[in-house]
PDB file of N, CA and C in Angstrom:
ATOM      1  N   MET A   1      82.227 112.776  75.885  1.00  0.00           N
ATOM      2  CA  MET A   1      81.752 113.661  74.842  1.00  0.00           C
ATOM      3  C   MET A   1      80.492 114.363  75.320  1.00  0.00           C
ATOM      4  N   MET A   2      80.453 115.669  75.151  1.00  0.00           N
ATOM      5  CA  MET A   2      79.292 116.423  75.605  1.00  0.00           C
ATOM      6  C   MET A   2      78.263 116.518  74.491  1.00  0.00           C
ATOM      7  N   MET A   3      77.013 116.470  74.893  1.00  0.00           N
ATOM      8  CA  MET A   3      75.909 116.653  73.951  1.00  0.00           C
ATOM      9  C   MET A   3      75.727 118.149  73.709  1.00  0.00           C
ATOM     10  N   ALA A   4      74.856 118.500  72.775  1.00  0.00           N
ATOM     11  CA  ALA A   4      74.654 119.907  72.412  1.00  0.00           C
ATOM     12  C   ALA A   4      74.108 120.704  73.589  1.00  0.00           C
ATOM     13  N   GLY A   5      73.151 120.167  74.308  1.00  0.00           N
ATOM     14  CA  GLY A   5      72.581 120.872  75.449  1.00  0.00           C
ATOM     15  C   GLY A   5      73.570 121.033  76.582  1.00  0.00           C
ATOM     16  N   GLN A   6      74.403 120.011  76.766  1.00  0.00           N
ATOM     17  CA  GLN A   6      75.402 120.085  77.829  1.00  0.00           C
ATOM     18  C   GLN A   6      76.469 121.129  77.525  1.00  0.00           C
ATOM     19  N   SER A   7      76.868 121.245  76.272  1.00  0.00           N
ATOM     20  CA  SER A   7      77.887 122.237  75.931  1.00  0.00           C
ATOM     21  C   SER A   7      77.331 123.651  76.051  1.00  0.00           C
ATOM     22  N   GLN A   8      76.048 123.821  75.718  1.00  0.00           N
ATOM     23  CA  GLN A   8      75.435 125.140  75.887  1.00  0.00           C
ATOM     24  C   GLN A   8      75.373 125.508  77.367  1.00  0.00           C
ATOM     25  N   MET A   9      75.044 124.543  78.206  1.00  0.00           N
ATOM     26  CA  MET A   9      74.997 124.789  79.646  1.00  0.00           C
ATOM     27  C   MET A   9      76.391 125.102  80.178  1.00  0.00           C
ATOM     28  N   PHE A  10      77.394 124.375  79.686  1.00  0.00           N
ATOM     29  CA  PHE A  10      78.781 124.605  80.095  1.00  0.00           C
ATOM     30  C   PHE A  10      79.224 126.020  79.742  1.00  0.00           C
ATOM     31  N   TYR A  11      78.973 126.439  78.507  1.00  0.00           N
ATOM     32  CA  TYR A  11      79.361 127.787  78.086  1.00  0.00           C
ATOM     33  C   TYR A  11      78.567 128.857  78.824  1.00  0.00           C
ATOM     34  N   GLY A  12      77.334 128.564  79.169  1.00  0.00           N
ATOM     35  CA  GLY A  12      76.538 129.500  79.957  1.00  0.00           C
ATOM     36  C   GLY A  12      77.103 129.689  81.351  1.00  0.00           C
ATOM     37  N   ILE A  13      77.516 128.601  81.980  1.00  0.00           N
ATOM     38  CA  ILE A  13      78.102 128.681  83.323  1.00  0.00           C
ATOM     39  C   ILE A  13      79.435 129.418  83.283  1.00  0.00           C
ATOM     40  N   VAL A  14      80.262 129.120  82.294  1.00  0.00           N
ATOM     41  CA  VAL A  14      81.554 129.797  82.168  1.00  0.00           C
ATOM     42  C   VAL A  14      81.351 131.289  81.905  1.00  0.00           C
ATOM     43  N   SER A  15      80.378 131.640  81.079  1.00  0.00           N
ATOM     44  CA  SER A  15      80.097 133.054  80.813  1.00  0.00           C
ATOM     45  C   SER A  15      79.603 133.759  82.063  1.00  0.00           C
ATOM     46  N   PHE A  16      78.758 133.099  82.835  1.00  0.00           N
ATOM     47  CA  PHE A  16      78.267 133.682  84.081  1.00  0.00           C
ATOM     48  C   PHE A  16      79.412 133.906  85.064  1.00  0.00           C
ATOM     49  N   LEU A  17      80.310 132.938  85.172  1.00  0.00           N
ATOM     50  CA  LEU A  17      81.475 133.089  86.050  1.00  0.00           C
ATOM     51  C   LEU A  17      82.390 134.220  85.585  1.00  0.00           C
ATOM     52  N   ASN A  18      82.532 134.369  84.266  1.00  0.00           N
ATOM     53  CA  ASN A  18      83.357 135.457  83.741  1.00  0.00           C
ATOM     54  C   ASN A  18      82.772 136.821  84.096  1.00  0.00           C
ATOM     55  N   ILE A  19      81.453 136.955  84.004  1.00  0.00           N
ATOM     56  CA  ILE A  19      80.809 138.224  84.350  1.00  0.00           C
ATOM     57  C   ILE A  19      80.973 138.510  85.833  1.00  0.00           C
ATOM     58  N   ILE A  20      80.784 137.496  86.670  1.00  0.00           N
ATOM     59  CA  ILE A  20      80.947 137.677  88.112  1.00  0.00           C
ATOM     60  C   ILE A  20      82.389 138.071  88.440  1.00  0.00           C
ATOM     61  N   MET A  21      83.365 137.422  87.795  1.00  0.00           N
ATOM     62  CA  MET A  21      84.767 137.763  88.039  1.00  0.00           C
ATOM     63  C   MET A  21      85.080 139.178  87.569  1.00  0.00           C
ATOM     64  N   LEU A  22      84.505 139.599  86.452  1.00  0.00           N
ATOM     65  CA  LEU A  22      84.762 140.941  85.939  1.00  0.00           C
ATOM     66  C   LEU A  22      84.222 142.005  86.882  1.00  0.00           C
ATOM     67  N   VAL A  23      82.976 141.857  87.296  1.00  0.00           N
ATOM     68  CA  VAL A  23      82.377 142.843  88.197  1.00  0.00           C
ATOM     69  C   VAL A  23      83.088 142.834  89.551  1.00  0.00           C
ATOM     70  N   GLY A  24      83.406 141.654  90.058  1.00  0.00           N
ATOM     71  CA  GLY A  24      84.111 141.554  91.335  1.00  0.00           C
ATOM     72  C   GLY A  24      85.507 142.150  91.281  1.00  0.00           C
ATOM     73  N   SER A  25      86.208 141.944  90.186  1.00  0.00           N
ATOM     74  CA  SER A  25      87.560 142.498  90.051  1.00  0.00           C
ATOM     75  C   SER A  25      87.534 144.018  89.955  1.00  0.00           C
ATOM     76  N   ILE A  26      86.570 144.555  89.213  1.00  0.00           N
ATOM     77  CA  ILE A  26      86.451 146.009  89.119  1.00  0.00           C
ATOM     78  C   ILE A  26      86.106 146.593  90.480  1.00  0.00           C
ATOM     79  N   TYR A  27      85.206 145.952  91.202  1.00  0.00           N
ATOM     80  CA  TYR A  27      84.834 146.437  92.534  1.00  0.00           C
ATOM     81  C   TYR A  27      86.019 146.365  93.500  1.00  0.00           C
ATOM     82  N   LEU A  28      86.771 145.270  93.449  1.00  0.00           N
ATOM     83  CA  LEU A  28      87.933 145.111  94.325  1.00  0.00           C
ATOM     84  C   LEU A  28      88.999 146.170  94.043  1.00  0.00           C
ATOM     85  N   THR A  29      89.285 146.403  92.774  1.00  0.00           N
ATOM     86  CA  THR A  29      90.279 147.423  92.451  1.00  0.00           C
ATOM     87  C   THR A  29      89.773 148.822  92.787  1.00  0.00           C
ATOM     88  N   TYR A  30      88.469 149.054  92.673  1.00  0.00           N
ATOM     89  CA  TYR A  30      87.919 150.361  93.045  1.00  0.00           C
ATOM     90  C   TYR A  30      88.089 150.611  94.542  1.00  0.00           C
ATOM     91  N   ILE A  31      87.830 149.583  95.346  1.00  0.00           N
ATOM     92  CA  ILE A  31      88.005 149.727  96.794  1.00  0.00           C
ATOM     93  C   ILE A  31      89.474 149.983  97.129  1.00  0.00           C
ATOM     94  N   CYS A  32      90.376 149.253  96.484  1.00  0.00           N
ATOM     95  CA  CYS A  32      91.807 149.439  96.754  1.00  0.00           C
ATOM     96  C   CYS A  32      92.292 150.813  96.304  1.00  0.00           C
ATOM     97  N   LEU A  33      91.855 151.257  95.137  1.00  0.00           N
ATOM     98  CA  LEU A  33      92.300 152.556  94.640  1.00  0.00           C
ATOM     99  C   LEU A  33      91.670 153.713  95.406  1.00  0.00           C
ATOM    100  N   ARG A  34      90.498 153.502  95.943  1.00  0.00           N
ATOM    101  CA  ARG A  34      89.834 154.552  96.714  1.00  0.00           C
ATOM    102  C   ARG A  34      90.604 154.855  97.996  1.00  0.00           C
ATOM    103  N   GLU A  35      91.300 153.856  98.526  1.00  0.00           N
ATOM    104  CA  GLU A  35      92.053 154.029  99.767  1.00  0.00           C
ATOM    105  C   GLU A  35      93.422 154.667  99.561  1.00  0.00           C
ATOM    106  N   ALA A  36      93.820 154.846  98.308  1.00  0.00           N
ATOM    107  CA  ALA A  36      95.138 155.427  98.031  1.00  0.00           C
ATOM    108  C   ALA A  36      95.137 156.920  98.354  1.00  0.00           C
ATOM    109  N   ARG A  37      96.322 157.468  98.539  1.00  0.00           N
ATOM    110  CA  ARG A  37      96.480 158.890  98.856  1.00  0.00           C
ATOM    111  C   ARG A  37      96.517 159.695  97.562  1.00  0.00           C
ATOM    112  N   TRP A  38      95.371 160.089  97.062  1.00  0.00           N
ATOM    113  CA  TRP A  38      95.286 160.818  95.806  1.00  0.00           C
ATOM    114  C   TRP A  38      95.533 162.311  95.984  1.00  0.00           C
ATOM    115  N   ASP A  39      95.641 162.784  97.228  1.00  0.00           N
ATOM    116  CA  ASP A  39      95.914 164.206  97.435  1.00  0.00           C
ATOM    117  C   ASP A  39      97.338 164.573  97.004  1.00  0.00           C
ATOM    118  N   LYS A  40      98.195 163.570  96.857  1.00  0.00           N
ATOM    119  CA  LYS A  40      99.544 163.816  96.353  1.00  0.00           C
ATOM    120  C   LYS A  40      99.537 164.046  94.842  1.00  0.00           C
ATOM    121  N   VAL A  41      98.538 163.498  94.160  1.00  0.00           N
ATOM    122  CA  VAL A  41      98.447 163.604  92.708  1.00  0.00           C
ATOM    123  C   VAL A  41      97.523 164.751  92.304  1.00  0.00           C
ATOM    124  N   PHE A  42      96.363 164.836  92.946  1.00  0.00           N
ATOM    125  CA  PHE A  42      95.371 165.850  92.619  1.00  0.00           C
ATOM    126  C   PHE A  42      95.342 166.919  93.708  1.00  0.00           C
ATOM    127  N   TYR A  43      95.010 168.130  93.301  1.00  0.00           N
ATOM    128  CA  TYR A  43      94.906 169.223  94.264  1.00  0.00           C
ATOM    129  C   TYR A  43      93.772 168.958  95.239  1.00  0.00           C
ATOM    130  N   ASP A  44      92.629 168.567  94.720  1.00  0.00           N
ATOM    131  CA  ASP A  44      91.466 168.234  95.547  1.00  0.00           C
ATOM    132  C   ASP A  44      91.067 166.794  95.232  1.00  0.00           C
ATOM    133  N   ALA A  45      91.337 165.887  96.156  1.00  0.00           N
ATOM    134  CA  ALA A  45      91.098 164.463  95.909  1.00  0.00           C
ATOM    135  C   ALA A  45      89.617 164.118  95.857  1.00  0.00           C
ATOM    136  N   SER A  46      88.754 164.987  96.371  1.00  0.00           N
ATOM    137  CA  SER A  46      87.317 164.710  96.331  1.00  0.00           C
ATOM    138  C   SER A  46      86.646 165.342  95.117  1.00  0.00           C
ATOM    139  N   ASP A  47      87.424 165.931  94.218  1.00  0.00           N
ATOM    140  CA  ASP A  47      86.903 166.553  93.008  1.00  0.00           C
ATOM    141  C   ASP A  47      86.366 165.483  92.062  1.00  0.00           C
ATOM    142  N   ILE A  48      85.466 165.884  91.178  1.00  0.00           N
ATOM    143  CA  ILE A  48      84.857 164.942  90.237  1.00  0.00           C
ATOM    144  C   ILE A  48      85.897 164.384  89.268  1.00  0.00           C
ATOM    145  N   LYS A  49      86.918 165.167  88.934  1.00  0.00           N
ATOM    146  CA  LYS A  49      87.972 164.676  88.038  1.00  0.00           C
ATOM    147  C   LYS A  49      88.790 163.572  88.702  1.00  0.00           C
ATOM    148  N   ALA A  50      89.088 163.744  89.967  1.00  0.00           N
ATOM    149  CA  ALA A  50      89.851 162.724  90.693  1.00  0.00           C
ATOM    150  C   ALA A  50      89.031 161.451  90.845  1.00  0.00           C
ATOM    151  N   ARG A  51      87.758 161.599  91.159  1.00  0.00           N
ATOM    152  CA  ARG A  51      86.901 160.412  91.291  1.00  0.00           C
ATOM    153  C   ARG A  51      86.714 159.703  89.957  1.00  0.00           C
ATOM    154  N   GLY A  52      86.583 160.484  88.891  1.00  0.00           N
ATOM    155  CA  GLY A  52      86.477 159.887  87.563  1.00  0.00           C
ATOM    156  C   GLY A  52      87.737 159.144  87.170  1.00  0.00           C
ATOM    157  N   PHE A  53      88.885 159.719  87.515  1.00  0.00           N
ATOM    158  CA  PHE A  53      90.158 159.055  87.235  1.00  0.00           C
ATOM    159  C   PHE A  53      90.260 157.731  87.978  1.00  0.00           C
ATOM    160  N   VAL A  54      89.876 157.725  89.246  1.00  0.00           N
ATOM    161  CA  VAL A  54      89.921 156.495  90.042  1.00  0.00           C
ATOM    162  C   VAL A  54      88.963 155.462  89.462  1.00  0.00           C
ATOM    163  N   LEU A  55      87.791 155.896  89.031  1.00  0.00           N
ATOM    164  CA  LEU A  55      86.818 154.971  88.455  1.00  0.00           C
ATOM    165  C   LEU A  55      87.325 154.364  87.151  1.00  0.00           C
ATOM    166  N   ILE A  56      87.858 155.197  86.269  1.00  0.00           N
ATOM    167  CA  ILE A  56      88.369 154.690  84.992  1.00  0.00           C
ATOM    168  C   ILE A  56      89.577 153.790  85.210  1.00  0.00           C
ATOM    169  N   LEU A  57      90.464 154.177  86.109  1.00  0.00           N
ATOM    170  CA  LEU A  57      91.632 153.344  86.403  1.00  0.00           C
ATOM    171  C   LEU A  57      91.222 152.008  87.017  1.00  0.00           C
ATOM    172  N   SER A  58      90.198 152.017  87.861  1.00  0.00           N
ATOM    173  CA  SER A  58      89.741 150.759  88.452  1.00  0.00           C
ATOM    174  C   SER A  58      89.083 149.865  87.405  1.00  0.00           C
ATOM    175  N   ILE A  59      88.401 150.448  86.427  1.00  0.00           N
ATOM    176  CA  ILE A  59      87.822 149.641  85.348  1.00  0.00           C
ATOM    177  C   ILE A  59      88.928 149.008  84.515  1.00  0.00           C
ATOM    178  N   ILE A  60      89.956 149.778  84.207  1.00  0.00           N
ATOM    179  CA  ILE A  60      91.064 149.246  83.400  1.00  0.00           C
ATOM    180  C   ILE A  60      91.804 148.139  84.150  1.00  0.00           C
ATOM    181  N   LEU A  61      92.193 148.406  85.390  1.00  0.00           N
ATOM    182  CA  LEU A  61      92.942 147.405  86.159  1.00  0.00           C
ATOM    183  C   LEU A  61      92.075 146.200  86.520  1.00  0.00           C
ATOM    184  N   GLY A  62      90.803 146.433  86.830  1.00  0.00           N
ATOM    185  CA  GLY A  62      89.898 145.333  87.145  1.00  0.00           C
ATOM    186  C   GLY A  62      89.660 144.428  85.956  1.00  0.00           C
ATOM    187  N   THR A  63      89.568 145.022  84.767  1.00  0.00           N
ATOM    188  CA  THR A  63      89.402 144.223  83.555  1.00  0.00           C
ATOM    189  C   THR A  63      90.640 143.379  83.288  1.00  0.00           C
ATOM    190  N   MET A  64      91.814 143.950  83.519  1.00  0.00           N
ATOM    191  CA  MET A  64      93.046 143.178  83.336  1.00  0.00           C
ATOM    192  C   MET A  64      93.124 142.024  84.330  1.00  0.00           C
ATOM    193  N   LEU A  65      92.738 142.276  85.576  1.00  0.00           N
ATOM    194  CA  LEU A  65      92.743 141.230  86.595  1.00  0.00           C
ATOM    195  C   LEU A  65      91.736 140.132  86.256  1.00  0.00           C
ATOM    196  N   ALA A  66      90.549 140.524  85.824  1.00  0.00           N
ATOM    197  CA  ALA A  66      89.531 139.538  85.461  1.00  0.00           C
ATOM    198  C   ALA A  66      89.953 138.736  84.235  1.00  0.00           C
ATOM    199  N   GLU A  67      90.621 139.377  83.292  1.00  0.00           N
ATOM    200  CA  GLU A  67      91.105 138.671  82.106  1.00  0.00           C
ATOM    201  C   GLU A  67      92.133 137.608  82.496  1.00  0.00           C
ATOM    202  N   PHE A  68      92.983 137.919  83.454  1.00  0.00           N
ATOM    203  CA  PHE A  68      93.949 136.931  83.937  1.00  0.00           C
ATOM    204  C   PHE A  68      93.232 135.719  84.527  1.00  0.00           C
ATOM    205  N   PHE A  69      92.258 135.963  85.410  1.00  0.00           N
ATOM    206  CA  PHE A  69      91.545 134.851  86.027  1.00  0.00           C
ATOM    207  C   PHE A  69      90.692 134.086  85.019  1.00  0.00           C
ATOM    208  N   THR A  70      90.151 134.776  84.028  1.00  0.00           N
ATOM    209  CA  THR A  70      89.367 134.110  82.990  1.00  0.00           C
ATOM    210  C   THR A  70      90.246 133.187  82.160  1.00  0.00           C
ATOM    211  N   GLN A  71      91.415 133.665  81.784  1.00  0.00           N
ATOM    212  CA  GLN A  71      92.332 132.813  81.028  1.00  0.00           C
ATOM    213  C   GLN A  71      92.806 131.630  81.864  1.00  0.00           C
ATOM    214  N   TYR A  72      93.039 131.861  83.143  1.00  0.00           N
ATOM    215  CA  TYR A  72      93.441 130.772  84.029  1.00  0.00           C
ATOM    216  C   TYR A  72      92.337 129.722  84.128  1.00  0.00           C
ATOM    217  N   LEU A  73      91.098 130.175  84.292  1.00  0.00           N
ATOM    218  CA  LEU A  73      89.968 129.249  84.370  1.00  0.00           C
ATOM    219  C   LEU A  73      89.802 128.473  83.071  1.00  0.00           C
ATOM    220  N   THR A  74      89.874 129.166  81.956  1.00  0.00           N
ATOM    221  CA  THR A  74      89.704 128.515  80.658  1.00  0.00           C
ATOM    222  C   THR A  74      90.804 127.495  80.402  1.00  0.00           C
ATOM    223  N   ASN A  75      92.036 127.876  80.656  1.00  0.00           N
ATOM    224  CA  ASN A  75      93.146 126.950  80.418  1.00  0.00           C
ATOM    225  C   ASN A  75      93.108 125.760  81.364  1.00  0.00           C
ATOM    226  N   SER A  76      92.675 125.972  82.599  1.00  0.00           N
ATOM    227  CA  SER A  76      92.588 124.836  83.518  1.00  0.00           C
ATOM    228  C   SER A  76      91.455 123.893  83.121  1.00  0.00           C
ATOM    229  N   LEU A  77      90.397 124.420  82.522  1.00  0.00           N
ATOM    230  CA  LEU A  77      89.321 123.544  82.051  1.00  0.00           C
ATOM    231  C   LEU A  77      89.740 122.750  80.817  1.00  0.00           C
ATOM    232  N   TYR A  78      90.613 123.322  79.998  1.00  0.00           N
ATOM    233  CA  TYR A  78      91.083 122.621  78.804  1.00  0.00           C
ATOM    234  C   TYR A  78      92.152 121.579  79.109  1.00  0.00           C
ATOM    235  N   LEU A  79      92.675 121.552  80.323  1.00  0.00           N
ATOM    236  CA  LEU A  79      93.685 120.553  80.673  1.00  0.00           C
ATOM    237  C   LEU A  79      93.134 119.130  80.640  1.00  0.00           C
ATOM    238  N   GLN A  80      91.828 118.998  80.769  1.00  0.00           N
ATOM    239  CA  GLN A  80      91.240 117.655  80.738  1.00  0.00           C
ATOM    240  C   GLN A  80      91.413 116.989  79.375  1.00  0.00           C
ATOM    241  N   PHE A  81      91.611 117.774  78.322  1.00  0.00           N
ATOM    242  CA  PHE A  81      91.789 117.209  76.990  1.00  0.00           C
ATOM    243  C   PHE A  81      93.228 116.790  76.727  1.00  0.00           C
ATOM    244  N   LEU A  82      94.113 117.063  77.666  1.00  0.00           N
ATOM    245  CA  LEU A  82      95.512 116.692  77.507  1.00  0.00           C
ATOM    246  C   LEU A  82      95.712 115.191  77.702  1.00  0.00           C
ATOM    247  N   PHE A  83      94.945 114.605  78.600  1.00  0.00           N
ATOM    248  CA  PHE A  83      95.135 113.191  78.922  1.00  0.00           C
ATOM    249  C   PHE A  83      94.015 112.349  78.399  1.00  0.00           C
TER     250      PHE A  83
END
């Protein structure tokens, strides 16, 4: 059984890990999407609209990726209550 201070520390660590995973996932997807051939989609791939599209798409996909890992982490931590 965790005490009040221990549970606050636990939730603080989990929240910190979630933030790190979110920023890392967005950065990873941005790097991957930046390497794609956007000249097939946009007339000028270095235009501000194309860069904005890549940035917004990387935020959306990175958030989805981080949400997957966050749920995996949370569910794996709750497995201890099964036994």
